[in-house]
Every structure is written in C-alpha cells, then in structure tokens.
Amino acid sequence: MRFESVMLALVLAAPAAVMAQQPQPLAGDAVFARACASCHQPGQTAVPPPDALRAYTPEAIVNALTNGKMAAQGATLTTAERVAVAQFVTGKTIAASTRLLHWKSGFCSKKFEPSAK
C-alpha cells in the first residue's frame, strides 16, 4: 500500500515538476510599464501614445528599438523584452517567419522597414 501511494505521488508530481522548469514568456505589459510608459502616455504629442503604437506591426516596433529612432532606449532591453513589448503595444504577434530572424543590431540593414499594416 505504501509503495503504491509513493508511486502515485511521483506520477502526479512529475508533470508539475516539468512545467515548473518551462521558461515563462515575458510579460510585455510589465516591460512597457518599466521601460516605455513614462514617455508613451495617452494624450502625449511628442511621442506616439499607446493607441498610436497599435497601428504599427510588432516587427516595426522591434526594428525601431533595434536600429531606428528608439535604438538608444532599446539597447537597455534584451531581444526577448523587445519582442514582448512590441507584441504588447501592437496587440499582434510576430509572424512565424520573422521569428527566425535574429533581432540583433546590425543583422538587418538600416533600410529594413516592415510595413505598418
């Protein structure tokens, strides 16, 4: 009886242990609050407010944070944080085909401008 109880406990605990080891995706809202919200506020005219950022693609946001006007601010973020915040502010996910790109400075030419559809 004791052996069966121990085995049952191990079998039930195994999936929880595996799930605990899975890396959790970054929360784009937390990255935005920490790194972006102080400037990108509703009603702001000097920089695009959050509603205006929704018009961009996440690829365009990552490009701006990597190679564009926001490169200095993006330099303080990891690649995963740039992707997370881009997906958060646009409300869209990065296309599967572009996930294969390495979003690192200098990888794409400065002329790379994804469409803002």
PDB file of N, CA and C in Angstrom:
ATOM      1  N   MET A   1       0.826  -1.187   0.000  1.00  0.00           N
ATOM      2  CA  MET A   1       0.000   0.000   0.000  1.00  0.00           C
ATOM      3  C   MET A   1       0.880   1.265   0.000  1.00  0.00           C
ATOM      4  N   ARG A   2       1.919   1.274   0.832  1.00  0.00           N
ATOM      5  CA  ARG A   2       2.794   2.434   0.905  1.00  0.00           C
ATOM      6  C   ARG A   2       3.512   2.637  -0.431  1.00  0.00           C
ATOM      7  N   PHE A   3       3.985   1.568  -1.048  1.00  0.00           N
ATOM      8  CA  PHE A   3       4.677   1.659  -2.336  1.00  0.00           C
ATOM      9  C   PHE A   3       3.754   2.263  -3.394  1.00  0.00           C
ATOM     10  N   GLU A   4       2.506   1.821  -3.420  1.00  0.00           N
ATOM     11  CA  GLU A   4       1.549   2.340  -4.396  1.00  0.00           C
ATOM     12  C   GLU A   4       1.283   3.830  -4.165  1.00  0.00           C
ATOM     13  N   SER A   5       1.219   4.240  -2.919  1.00  0.00           N
ATOM     14  CA  SER A   5       0.988   5.653  -2.595  1.00  0.00           C
ATOM     15  C   SER A   5       2.169   6.509  -3.044  1.00  0.00           C
ATOM     16  N   VAL A   6       3.377   6.005  -2.828  1.00  0.00           N
ATOM     17  CA  VAL A   6       4.577   6.729  -3.233  1.00  0.00           C
ATOM     18  C   VAL A   6       4.631   6.832  -4.752  1.00  0.00           C
ATOM     19  N   MET A   7       4.350   5.738  -5.439  1.00  0.00           N
ATOM     20  CA  MET A   7       4.370   5.749  -6.902  1.00  0.00           C
ATOM     21  C   MET A   7       3.319   6.702  -7.456  1.00  0.00           C
ATOM     22  N   LEU A   8       2.138   6.692  -6.887  1.00  0.00           N
ATOM     23  CA  LEU A   8       1.081   7.594  -7.336  1.00  0.00           C
ATOM     24  C   LEU A   8       1.501   9.049  -7.132  1.00  0.00           C
ATOM     25  N   ALA A   9       2.110   9.351  -6.012  1.00  0.00           N
ATOM     26  CA  ALA A   9       2.571  10.714  -5.738  1.00  0.00           C
ATOM     27  C   ALA A   9       3.641  11.134  -6.743  1.00  0.00           C
ATOM     28  N   LEU A  10       4.546  10.229  -7.087  1.00  0.00           N
ATOM     29  CA  LEU A  10       5.590  10.546  -8.064  1.00  0.00           C
ATOM     30  C   LEU A  10       5.000  10.787  -9.445  1.00  0.00           C
ATOM     31  N   VAL A  11       4.066   9.962  -9.850  1.00  0.00           N
ATOM     32  CA  VAL A  11       3.450  10.114 -11.161  1.00  0.00           C
ATOM     33  C   VAL A  11       2.683  11.433 -11.248  1.00  0.00           C
ATOM     34  N   LEU A  12       2.000  11.799 -10.198  1.00  0.00           N
ATOM     35  CA  LEU A  12       1.249  13.045 -10.196  1.00  0.00           C
ATOM     36  C   LEU A  12       2.145  14.271 -10.093  1.00  0.00           C
ATOM     37  N   ALA A  13       3.286  14.147  -9.448  1.00  0.00           N
ATOM     38  CA  ALA A  13       4.195  15.277  -9.263  1.00  0.00           C
ATOM     39  C   ALA A  13       5.058  15.533 -10.492  1.00  0.00           C
ATOM     40  N   ALA A  14       5.295  14.530 -11.316  1.00  0.00           N
ATOM     41  CA  ALA A  14       6.190  14.671 -12.465  1.00  0.00           C
ATOM     42  C   ALA A  14       5.751  15.773 -13.426  1.00  0.00           C
ATOM     43  N   PRO A  15       4.480  15.837 -13.859  1.00  0.00           N
ATOM     44  CA  PRO A  15       4.107  16.929 -14.770  1.00  0.00           C
ATOM     45  C   PRO A  15       4.293  18.309 -14.148  1.00  0.00           C
ATOM     46  N   ALA A  16       4.030  18.449 -12.879  1.00  0.00           N
ATOM     47  CA  ALA A  16       4.210  19.742 -12.212  1.00  0.00           C
ATOM     48  C   ALA A  16       5.680  20.143 -12.209  1.00  0.00           C
ATOM     49  N   ALA A  17       6.557  19.186 -11.998  1.00  0.00           N
ATOM     50  CA  ALA A  17       7.992  19.480 -11.992  1.00  0.00           C
ATOM     51  C   ALA A  17       8.457  19.900 -13.379  1.00  0.00           C
ATOM     52  N   VAL A  18       7.961  19.241 -14.405  1.00  0.00           N
ATOM     53  CA  VAL A  18       8.344  19.588 -15.775  1.00  0.00           C
ATOM     54  C   VAL A  18       7.825  20.983 -16.119  1.00  0.00           C
ATOM     55  N   MET A  19       6.592  21.279 -15.767  1.00  0.00           N
ATOM     56  CA  MET A  19       6.019  22.595 -16.061  1.00  0.00           C
ATOM     57  C   MET A  19       6.738  23.698 -15.306  1.00  0.00           C
ATOM     58  N   ALA A  20       7.208  23.423 -14.114  1.00  0.00           N
ATOM     59  CA  ALA A  20       7.920  24.427 -13.330  1.00  0.00           C
ATOM     60  C   ALA A  20       9.236  24.802 -13.983  1.00  0.00           C
ATOM     61  N   GLN A  21       9.811  23.899 -14.783  1.00  0.00           N
ATOM     62  CA  GLN A  21      11.087  24.147 -15.426  1.00  0.00           C
ATOM     63  C   GLN A  21      10.937  24.877 -16.759  1.00  0.00           C
ATOM     64  N   GLN A  22       9.714  24.972 -17.293  1.00  0.00           N
ATOM     65  CA  GLN A  22       9.492  25.654 -18.559  1.00  0.00           C
ATOM     66  C   GLN A  22       9.714  27.154 -18.374  1.00  0.00           C
ATOM     67  N   PRO A  23      10.450  27.807 -19.275  1.00  0.00           N
ATOM     68  CA  PRO A  23      10.622  29.249 -19.143  1.00  0.00           C
ATOM     69  C   PRO A  23       9.293  29.950 -19.394  1.00  0.00           C
ATOM     70  N   GLN A  24       8.983  30.914 -18.554  1.00  0.00           N
ATOM     71  CA  GLN A  24       7.746  31.658 -18.695  1.00  0.00           C
ATOM     72  C   GLN A  24       7.956  32.791 -19.702  1.00  0.00           C
ATOM     73  N   PRO A  25       6.975  33.025 -20.571  1.00  0.00           N
ATOM     74  CA  PRO A  25       7.125  34.125 -21.529  1.00  0.00           C
ATOM     75  C   PRO A  25       7.146  35.460 -20.788  1.00  0.00           C
ATOM     76  N   LEU A  26       7.883  36.388 -21.352  1.00  0.00           N
ATOM     77  CA  LEU A  26       7.956  37.709 -20.745  1.00  0.00           C
ATOM     78  C   LEU A  26       6.615  38.418 -20.880  1.00  0.00           C
ATOM     79  N   ALA A  27       6.262  39.173 -19.892  1.00  0.00           N
ATOM     80  CA  ALA A  27       5.030  39.951 -19.924  1.00  0.00           C
ATOM     81  C   ALA A  27       5.334  41.309 -20.549  1.00  0.00           C
ATOM     82  N   GLY A  28       4.834  41.520 -21.753  1.00  0.00           N
ATOM     83  CA  GLY A  28       5.078  42.771 -22.455  1.00  0.00           C
ATOM     84  C   GLY A  28       4.537  43.979 -21.719  1.00  0.00           C
ATOM     85  N   ASP A  29       3.424  43.790 -20.985  1.00  0.00           N
ATOM     86  CA  ASP A  29       2.873  44.918 -20.240  1.00  0.00           C
ATOM     87  C   ASP A  29       3.814  45.373 -19.130  1.00  0.00           C
ATOM     88  N   ALA A  30       4.490  44.422 -18.502  1.00  0.00           N
ATOM     89  CA  ALA A  30       5.446  44.775 -17.449  1.00  0.00           C
ATOM     90  C   ALA A  30       6.662  45.490 -18.036  1.00  0.00           C
ATOM     91  N   VAL A  31       7.131  45.032 -19.187  1.00  0.00           N
ATOM     92  CA  VAL A  31       8.269  45.688 -19.852  1.00  0.00           C
ATOM     93  C   VAL A  31       7.868  47.106 -20.249  1.00  0.00           C
ATOM     94  N   PHE A  32       6.670  47.254 -20.820  1.00  0.00           N
ATOM     95  CA  PHE A  32       6.192  48.579 -21.220  1.00  0.00           C
ATOM     96  C   PHE A  32       6.099  49.513 -20.015  1.00  0.00           C
ATOM     97  N   ALA A  33       5.529  49.021 -18.928  1.00  0.00           N
ATOM     98  CA  ALA A  33       5.387  49.848 -17.723  1.00  0.00           C
ATOM     99  C   ALA A  33       6.741  50.291 -17.184  1.00  0.00           C
ATOM    100  N   ARG A  34       7.716  49.395 -17.239  1.00  0.00           N
ATOM    101  CA  ARG A  34       9.039  49.690 -16.689  1.00  0.00           C
ATOM    102  C   ARG A  34       9.866  50.576 -17.613  1.00  0.00           C
ATOM    103  N   ALA A  35       9.808  50.330 -18.929  1.00  0.00           N
ATOM    104  CA  ALA A  35      10.761  50.963 -19.834  1.00  0.00           C
ATOM    105  C   ALA A  35      10.166  51.992 -20.796  1.00  0.00           C
ATOM    106  N   CYS A  36       8.851  52.010 -20.966  1.00  0.00           N
ATOM    107  CA  CYS A  36       8.273  52.837 -22.026  1.00  0.00           C
ATOM    108  C   CYS A  36       7.190  53.818 -21.570  1.00  0.00           C
ATOM    109  N   ALA A  37       6.422  53.426 -20.574  1.00  0.00           N
ATOM    110  CA  ALA A  37       5.216  54.169 -20.203  1.00  0.00           C
ATOM    111  C   ALA A  37       5.483  55.591 -19.728  1.00  0.00           C
ATOM    112  N   SER A  38       6.664  55.858 -19.224  1.00  0.00           N
ATOM    113  CA  SER A  38       6.923  57.211 -18.728  1.00  0.00           C
ATOM    114  C   SER A  38       6.873  58.242 -19.854  1.00  0.00           C
ATOM    115  N   CYS A  39       7.164  57.843 -21.073  1.00  0.00           N
ATOM    116  CA  CYS A  39       7.082  58.756 -22.223  1.00  0.00           C
ATOM    117  C   CYS A  39       5.841  58.500 -23.072  1.00  0.00           C
ATOM    118  N   HIS A  40       5.524  57.242 -23.328  1.00  0.00           N
ATOM    119  CA  HIS A  40       4.397  56.883 -24.190  1.00  0.00           C
ATOM    120  C   HIS A  40       3.114  56.831 -23.367  1.00  0.00           C
ATOM    121  N   GLN A  41       2.563  58.012 -23.091  1.00  0.00           N
ATOM    122  CA  GLN A  41       1.349  58.145 -22.285  1.00  0.00           C
ATOM    123  C   GLN A  41       0.197  58.609 -23.162  1.00  0.00           C
ATOM    124  N   PRO A  42      -1.033  58.261 -22.780  1.00  0.00           N
ATOM    125  CA  PRO A  42      -2.196  58.766 -23.528  1.00  0.00           C
ATOM    126  C   PRO A  42      -2.191  60.294 -23.558  1.00  0.00           C
ATOM    127  N   GLY A  43      -2.560  60.855 -24.704  1.00  0.00           N
ATOM    128  CA  GLY A  43      -2.596  62.310 -24.847  1.00  0.00           C
ATOM    129  C   GLY A  43      -1.254  62.938 -25.165  1.00  0.00           C
ATOM    130  N   GLN A  44      -0.216  62.149 -25.200  1.00  0.00           N
ATOM    131  CA  GLN A  44       1.138  62.642 -25.482  1.00  0.00           C
ATOM    132  C   GLN A  44       1.228  63.070 -26.943  1.00  0.00           C
ATOM    133  N   THR A  45       1.924  64.174 -27.198  1.00  0.00           N
ATOM    134  CA  THR A  45       2.093  64.613 -28.585  1.00  0.00           C
ATOM    135  C   THR A  45       3.536  64.541 -29.054  1.00  0.00           C
ATOM    136  N   ALA A  46       4.487  64.518 -28.133  1.00  0.00           N
ATOM    137  CA  ALA A  46       5.902  64.475 -28.518  1.00  0.00           C
ATOM    138  C   ALA A  46       6.318  63.091 -29.006  1.00  0.00           C
ATOM    139  N   VAL A  47       5.700  62.060 -28.492  1.00  0.00           N
ATOM    140  CA  VAL A  47       5.970  60.679 -28.912  1.00  0.00           C
ATOM    141  C   VAL A  47       4.624  59.989 -29.112  1.00  0.00           C
ATOM    142  N   PRO A  48       4.592  58.921 -29.904  1.00  0.00           N
ATOM    143  CA  PRO A  48       3.306  58.252 -30.126  1.00  0.00           C
ATOM    144  C   PRO A  48       2.728  57.690 -28.822  1.00  0.00           C
ATOM    145  N   PRO A  49       1.461  57.991 -28.537  1.00  0.00           N
ATOM    146  CA  PRO A  49       0.813  57.409 -27.360  1.00  0.00           C
ATOM    147  C   PRO A  49       0.495  55.937 -27.619  1.00  0.00           C
ATOM    148  N   PRO A  50       0.138  55.197 -26.588  1.00  0.00           N
ATOM    149  CA  PRO A  50      -0.128  53.763 -26.756  1.00  0.00           C
ATOM    150  C   PRO A  50      -1.125  53.444 -27.870  1.00  0.00           C
ATOM    151  N   ASP A  51      -2.187  54.231 -28.018  1.00  0.00           N
ATOM    152  CA  ASP A  51      -3.163  53.959 -29.076  1.00  0.00           C
ATOM    153  C   ASP A  51      -2.539  54.059 -30.464  1.00  0.00           C
ATOM    154  N   ALA A  52      -1.635  55.003 -30.658  1.00  0.00           N
ATOM    155  CA  ALA A  52      -0.981  55.163 -31.958  1.00  0.00           C
ATOM    156  C   ALA A  52      -0.021  54.011 -32.248  1.00  0.00           C
ATOM    157  N   LEU A  53       0.598  53.463 -31.206  1.00  0.00           N
ATOM    158  CA  LEU A  53       1.529  52.347 -31.405  1.00  0.00           C
ATOM    159  C   LEU A  53       0.827  51.102 -31.931  1.00  0.00           C
ATOM    160  N   ARG A  54      -0.467  50.969 -31.664  1.00  0.00           N
ATOM    161  CA  ARG A  54      -1.228  49.803 -32.129  1.00  0.00           C
ATOM    162  C   ARG A  54      -1.309  49.752 -33.651  1.00  0.00           C
ATOM    163  N   ALA A  55      -1.086  50.876 -34.327  1.00  0.00           N
ATOM    164  CA  ALA A  55      -1.145  50.917 -35.787  1.00  0.00           C
ATOM    165  C   ALA A  55       0.072  50.261 -36.432  1.00  0.00           C
ATOM    166  N   TYR A  56       1.143  50.092 -35.688  1.00  0.00           N
ATOM    167  CA  TYR A  56       2.374  49.504 -36.224  1.00  0.00           C
ATOM    168  C   TYR A  56       2.339  47.981 -36.145  1.00  0.00           C
ATOM    169  N   THR A  57       3.226  47.348 -36.888  1.00  0.00           N
ATOM    170  CA  THR A  57       3.416  45.903 -36.742  1.00  0.00           C
ATOM    171  C   THR A  57       4.417  45.694 -35.611  1.00  0.00           C
ATOM    172  N   PRO A  58       4.400  44.529 -34.969  1.00  0.00           N
ATOM    173  CA  PRO A  58       5.417  44.276 -33.949  1.00  0.00           C
ATOM    174  C   PRO A  58       6.819  44.281 -34.542  1.00  0.00           C
ATOM    175  N   GLU A  59       6.934  43.859 -35.802  1.00  0.00           N
ATOM    176  CA  GLU A  59       8.256  43.866 -36.456  1.00  0.00           C
ATOM    177  C   GLU A  59       8.788  45.292 -36.573  1.00  0.00           C
ATOM    178  N   ALA A  60       7.902  46.259 -36.882  1.00  0.00           N
ATOM    179  CA  ALA A  60       8.324  47.660 -36.990  1.00  0.00           C
ATOM    180  C   ALA A  60       8.768  48.199 -35.634  1.00  0.00           C
ATOM    181  N   ILE A  61       8.077  47.804 -34.574  1.00  0.00           N
ATOM    182  CA  ILE A  61       8.456  48.249 -33.222  1.00  0.00           C
ATOM    183  C   ILE A  61       9.822  47.674 -32.845  1.00  0.00           C
ATOM    184  N   VAL A  62      10.020  46.370 -33.097  1.00  0.00           N
ATOM    185  CA  VAL A  62      11.321  45.752 -32.795  1.00  0.00           C
ATOM    186  C   VAL A  62      12.416  46.421 -33.607  1.00  0.00           C
ATOM    187  N   ASN A  63      12.141  46.724 -34.873  1.00  0.00           N
ATOM    188  CA  ASN A  63      13.134  47.385 -35.708  1.00  0.00           C
ATOM    189  C   ASN A  63      13.468  48.769 -35.156  1.00  0.00           C
ATOM    190  N   ALA A  64      12.453  49.516 -34.709  1.00  0.00           N
ATOM    191  CA  ALA A  64      12.710  50.844 -34.132  1.00  0.00           C
ATOM    192  C   ALA A  64      13.546  50.733 -32.867  1.00  0.00           C
ATOM    193  N   LEU A  65      13.280  49.704 -32.054  1.00  0.00           N
ATOM    194  CA  LEU A  65      14.041  49.505 -30.814  1.00  0.00           C
ATOM    195  C   LEU A  65      15.457  48.982 -31.068  1.00  0.00           C
ATOM    196  N   THR A  66      15.666  48.393 -32.229  1.00  0.00           N
ATOM    197  CA  THR A  66      16.964  47.795 -32.539  1.00  0.00           C
ATOM    198  C   THR A  66      17.834  48.706 -33.399  1.00  0.00           C
ATOM    199  N   ASN A  67      17.242  49.258 -34.459  1.00  0.00           N
ATOM    200  CA  ASN A  67      18.013  50.025 -35.439  1.00  0.00           C
ATOM    201  C   ASN A  67      17.503  51.448 -35.667  1.00  0.00           C
ATOM    202  N   GLY A  68      16.333  51.756 -35.162  1.00  0.00           N
ATOM    203  CA  GLY A  68      15.693  53.017 -35.503  1.00  0.00           C
ATOM    204  C   GLY A  68      15.799  54.089 -34.444  1.00  0.00           C
ATOM    205  N   LYS A  69      14.775  54.941 -34.411  1.00  0.00           N
ATOM    206  CA  LYS A  69      14.758  56.097 -33.514  1.00  0.00           C
ATOM    207  C   LYS A  69      14.801  55.730 -32.039  1.00  0.00           C
ATOM    208  N   MET A  70      14.365  54.533 -31.705  1.00  0.00           N
ATOM    209  CA  MET A  70      14.325  54.109 -30.305  1.00  0.00           C
ATOM    210  C   MET A  70      15.494  53.172 -29.948  1.00  0.00           C
ATOM    211  N   ALA A  71      16.523  53.135 -30.772  1.00  0.00           N
ATOM    212  CA  ALA A  71      17.647  52.216 -30.541  1.00  0.00           C
ATOM    213  C   ALA A  71      18.345  52.477 -29.206  1.00  0.00           C
ATOM    214  N   ALA A  72      18.467  53.726 -28.800  1.00  0.00           N
ATOM    215  CA  ALA A  72      19.125  54.018 -27.512  1.00  0.00           C
ATOM    216  C   ALA A  72      18.318  53.446 -26.358  1.00  0.00           C
ATOM    217  N   GLN A  73      16.992  53.578 -26.429  1.00  0.00           N
ATOM    218  CA  GLN A  73      16.139  53.020 -25.387  1.00  0.00           C
ATOM    219  C   GLN A  73      16.093  51.493 -25.492  1.00  0.00           C
ATOM    220  N   GLY A  74      16.075  50.989 -26.705  1.00  0.00           N
ATOM    221  CA  GLY A  74      16.043  49.543 -26.925  1.00  0.00           C
ATOM    222  C   GLY A  74      17.321  48.854 -26.487  1.00  0.00           C
ATOM    223  N   ALA A  75      18.420  49.585 -26.438  1.00  0.00           N
ATOM    224  CA  ALA A  75      19.698  48.991 -26.025  1.00  0.00           C
ATOM    225  C   ALA A  75      19.656  48.507 -24.586  1.00  0.00           C
ATOM    226  N   THR A  76      18.734  49.043 -23.795  1.00  0.00           N
ATOM    227  CA  THR A  76      18.622  48.610 -22.398  1.00  0.00           C
ATOM    228  C   THR A  76      17.765  47.354 -22.252  1.00  0.00           C
ATOM    229  N   LEU A  77      17.151  46.908 -23.358  1.00  0.00           N
ATOM    230  CA  LEU A  77      16.267  45.741 -23.329  1.00  0.00           C
ATOM    231  C   LEU A  77      16.925  44.538 -23.986  1.00  0.00           C
ATOM    232  N   THR A  78      16.570  43.366 -23.522  1.00  0.00           N
ATOM    233  CA  THR A  78      17.021  42.147 -24.200  1.00  0.00           C
ATOM    234  C   THR A  78      16.184  41.964 -25.456  1.00  0.00           C
ATOM    235  N   THR A  79      16.618  41.082 -26.324  1.00  0.00           N
ATOM    236  CA  THR A  79      15.851  40.781 -27.534  1.00  0.00           C
ATOM    237  C   THR A  79      14.462  40.285 -27.167  1.00  0.00           C
ATOM    238  N   ALA A  80      14.364  39.421 -26.181  1.00  0.00           N
ATOM    239  CA  ALA A  80      13.068  38.886 -25.755  1.00  0.00           C
ATOM    240  C   ALA A  80      12.175  40.002 -25.211  1.00  0.00           C
ATOM    241  N   GLU A  81      12.743  40.965 -24.502  1.00  0.00           N
ATOM    242  CA  GLU A  81      11.949  42.084 -23.982  1.00  0.00           C
ATOM    243  C   GLU A  81      11.447  42.970 -25.115  1.00  0.00           C
ATOM    244  N   ARG A  82      12.285  43.186 -26.138  1.00  0.00           N
ATOM    245  CA  ARG A  82      11.845  43.987 -27.293  1.00  0.00           C
ATOM    246  C   ARG A  82      10.661  43.326 -27.988  1.00  0.00           C
ATOM    247  N   VAL A  83      10.760  42.026 -28.180  1.00  0.00           N
ATOM    248  CA  VAL A  83       9.676  41.283 -28.832  1.00  0.00           C
ATOM    249  C   VAL A  83       8.420  41.326 -27.962  1.00  0.00           C
ATOM    250  N   ALA A  84       8.570  41.102 -26.676  1.00  0.00           N
ATOM    251  CA  ALA A  84       7.414  41.095 -25.772  1.00  0.00           C
ATOM    252  C   ALA A  84       6.707  42.442 -25.753  1.00  0.00           C
ATOM    253  N   VAL A  85       7.459  43.531 -25.665  1.00  0.00           N
ATOM    254  CA  VAL A  85       6.836  44.848 -25.618  1.00  0.00           C
ATOM    255  C   VAL A  85       6.223  45.201 -26.972  1.00  0.00           C
ATOM    256  N   ALA A  86       6.858  44.786 -28.051  1.00  0.00           N
ATOM    257  CA  ALA A  86       6.315  45.053 -29.392  1.00  0.00           C
ATOM    258  C   ALA A  86       4.977  44.348 -29.583  1.00  0.00           C
ATOM    259  N   GLN A  87       4.906  43.119 -29.146  1.00  0.00           N
ATOM    260  CA  GLN A  87       3.654  42.373 -29.261  1.00  0.00           C
ATOM    261  C   GLN A  87       2.588  42.967 -28.349  1.00  0.00           C
ATOM    262  N   PHE A  88       2.989  43.434 -27.184  1.00  0.00           N
ATOM    263  CA  PHE A  88       2.039  44.046 -26.250  1.00  0.00           C
ATOM    264  C   PHE A  88       1.468  45.342 -26.814  1.00  0.00           C
ATOM    265  N   VAL A  89       2.324  46.263 -27.266  1.00  0.00           N
ATOM    266  CA  VAL A  89       1.832  47.576 -27.694  1.00  0.00           C
ATOM    267  C   VAL A  89       1.029  47.503 -28.989  1.00  0.00           C
ATOM    268  N   THR A  90       1.335  46.539 -29.853  1.00  0.00           N
ATOM    269  CA  THR A  90       0.600  46.428 -31.114  1.00  0.00           C
ATOM    270  C   THR A  90      -0.625  45.536 -30.993  1.00  0.00           C
ATOM    271  N   GLY A  91      -0.629  44.664 -30.004  1.00  0.00           N
ATOM    272  CA  GLY A  91      -1.727  43.711 -29.876  1.00  0.00           C
ATOM    273  C   GLY A  91      -1.656  42.612 -30.903  1.00  0.00           C
ATOM    274  N   LYS A  92      -0.499  42.466 -31.559  1.00  0.00           N
ATOM    275  CA  LYS A  92      -0.314  41.459 -32.608  1.00  0.00           C
ATOM    276  C   LYS A  92       0.913  40.612 -32.279  1.00  0.00           C
ATOM    277  N   THR A  93       0.938  39.390 -32.786  1.00  0.00           N
ATOM    278  CA  THR A  93       2.111  38.541 -32.598  1.00  0.00           C
ATOM    279  C   THR A  93       3.027  38.676 -33.803  1.00  0.00           C
ATOM    280  N   ILE A  94       4.293  38.465 -33.566  1.00  0.00           N
ATOM    281  CA  ILE A  94       5.260  38.485 -34.655  1.00  0.00           C
ATOM    282  C   ILE A  94       5.017  37.255 -35.511  1.00  0.00           C
ATOM    283  N   ALA A  95       4.997  37.434 -36.817  1.00  0.00           N
ATOM    284  CA  ALA A  95       4.745  36.335 -37.751  1.00  0.00           C
ATOM    285  C   ALA A  95       5.768  35.233 -37.545  1.00  0.00           C
ATOM    286  N   ALA A  96       5.331  34.007 -37.707  1.00  0.00           N
ATOM    287  CA  ALA A  96       6.213  32.852 -37.502  1.00  0.00           C
ATOM    288  C   ALA A  96       7.463  32.955 -38.359  1.00  0.00           C
ATOM    289  N   SER A  97       7.345  33.467 -39.582  1.00  0.00           N
ATOM    290  CA  SER A  97       8.510  33.554 -40.460  1.00  0.00           C
ATOM    291  C   SER A  97       9.546  34.534 -39.940  1.00  0.00           C
ATOM    292  N   THR A  98       9.111  35.603 -39.272  1.00  0.00           N
ATOM    293  CA  THR A  98      10.072  36.578 -38.776  1.00  0.00           C
ATOM    294  C   THR A  98      10.659  36.173 -37.442  1.00  0.00           C
ATOM    295  N   ARG A  99      10.069  35.178 -36.766  1.00  0.00           N
ATOM    296  CA  ARG A  99      10.656  34.700 -35.519  1.00  0.00           C
ATOM    297  C   ARG A  99      12.012  34.058 -35.774  1.00  0.00           C
ATOM    298  N   LEU A 100      12.251  33.659 -37.024  1.00  0.00           N
ATOM    299  CA  LEU A 100      13.518  33.024 -37.357  1.00  0.00           C
ATOM    300  C   LEU A 100      14.640  34.043 -37.484  1.00  0.00           C
ATOM    301  N   LEU A 101      14.281  35.316 -37.653  1.00  0.00           N
ATOM    302  CA  LEU A 101      15.309  36.351 -37.767  1.00  0.00           C
ATOM    303  C   LEU A 101      15.950  36.596 -36.413  1.00  0.00           C
ATOM    304  N   HIS A 102      17.192  36.955 -36.432  1.00  0.00           N
ATOM    305  CA  HIS A 102      17.884  37.333 -35.200  1.00  0.00           C
ATOM    306  C   HIS A 102      17.728  38.832 -35.051  1.00  0.00           C
ATOM    307  N   TRP A 103      16.964  39.257 -34.065  1.00  0.00           N
ATOM    308  CA  TRP A 103      16.716  40.673 -33.861  1.00  0.00           C
ATOM    309  C   TRP A 103      17.890  41.275 -33.100  1.00  0.00           C
ATOM    310  N   LYS A 104      19.003  41.400 -33.770  1.00  0.00           N
ATOM    311  CA  LYS A 104      20.187  41.985 -33.150  1.00  0.00           C
ATOM    312  C   LYS A 104      20.638  43.161 -33.995  1.00  0.00           C
ATOM    313  N   SER A 105      21.164  44.140 -33.348  1.00  0.00           N
ATOM    314  CA  SER A 105      21.629  45.318 -34.054  1.00  0.00           C
ATOM    315  C   SER A 105      22.653  44.931 -35.113  1.00  0.00           C
ATOM    316  N   GLY A 106      22.466  45.464 -36.304  1.00  0.00           N
ATOM    317  CA  GLY A 106      23.399  45.192 -37.387  1.00  0.00           C
ATOM    318  C   GLY A 106      23.055  43.972 -38.202  1.00  0.00           C
ATOM    319  N   PHE A 107      22.106  43.153 -37.765  1.00  0.00           N
ATOM    320  CA  PHE A 107      21.764  41.954 -38.526  1.00  0.00           C
ATOM    321  C   PHE A 107      21.030  42.340 -39.793  1.00  0.00           C
ATOM    322  N   CYS A 108      20.034  43.208 -39.671  1.00  0.00           N
ATOM    323  CA  CYS A 108      19.288  43.690 -40.825  1.00  0.00           C
ATOM    324  C   CYS A 108      19.875  45.032 -41.230  1.00  0.00           C
ATOM    325  N   SER A 109      19.711  45.359 -42.491  1.00  0.00           N
ATOM    326  CA  SER A 109      20.214  46.652 -42.922  1.00  0.00           C
ATOM    327  C   SER A 109      19.348  47.753 -42.311  1.00  0.00           C
ATOM    328  N   LYS A 110      19.880  48.932 -42.221  1.00  0.00           N
ATOM    329  CA  LYS A 110      19.147  50.068 -41.674  1.00  0.00           C
ATOM    330  C   LYS A 110      17.952  50.417 -42.564  1.00  0.00           C
ATOM    331  N   LYS A 111      17.954  49.947 -43.813  1.00  0.00           N
ATOM    332  CA  LYS A 111      16.872  50.235 -44.742  1.00  0.00           C
ATOM    333  C   LYS A 111      15.666  49.343 -44.508  1.00  0.00           C
ATOM    334  N   PHE A 112      15.784  48.313 -43.695  1.00  0.00           N
ATOM    335  CA  PHE A 112      14.697  47.366 -43.435  1.00  0.00           C
ATOM    336  C   PHE A 112      13.573  48.067 -42.697  1.00  0.00           C
ATOM    337  N   GLU A 113      12.423  48.179 -43.325  1.00  0.00           N
ATOM    338  CA  GLU A 113      11.257  48.817 -42.724  1.00  0.00           C
ATOM    339  C   GLU A 113      10.036  47.950 -42.998  1.00  0.00           C
ATOM    340  N   PRO A 114       9.617  47.102 -42.045  1.00  0.00           N
ATOM    341  CA  PRO A 114       8.409  46.310 -42.274  1.00  0.00           C
ATOM    342  C   PRO A 114       7.202  47.231 -42.468  1.00  0.00           C
ATOM    343  N   SER A 115       6.260  46.774 -43.257  1.00  0.00           N
ATOM    344  CA  SER A 115       5.055  47.597 -43.496  1.00  0.00           C
ATOM    345  C   SER A 115       4.279  47.765 -42.201  1.00  0.00           C
ATOM    346  N   ALA A 116       3.563  48.828 -42.083  1.00  0.00           N
ATOM    347  CA  ALA A 116       2.787  49.122 -40.874  1.00  0.00           C
ATOM    348  C   ALA A 116       1.322  48.788 -41.086  1.00  0.00           C
ATOM    349  N   LYS A 117       1.041  47.656 -41.666  1.00  0.00           N
ATOM    350  CA  LYS A 117      -0.346  47.238 -41.924  1.00  0.00           C
ATOM    351  C   LYS A 117      -0.954  46.674 -40.686  1.00  0.00           C
TER     352      LYS A 117
END
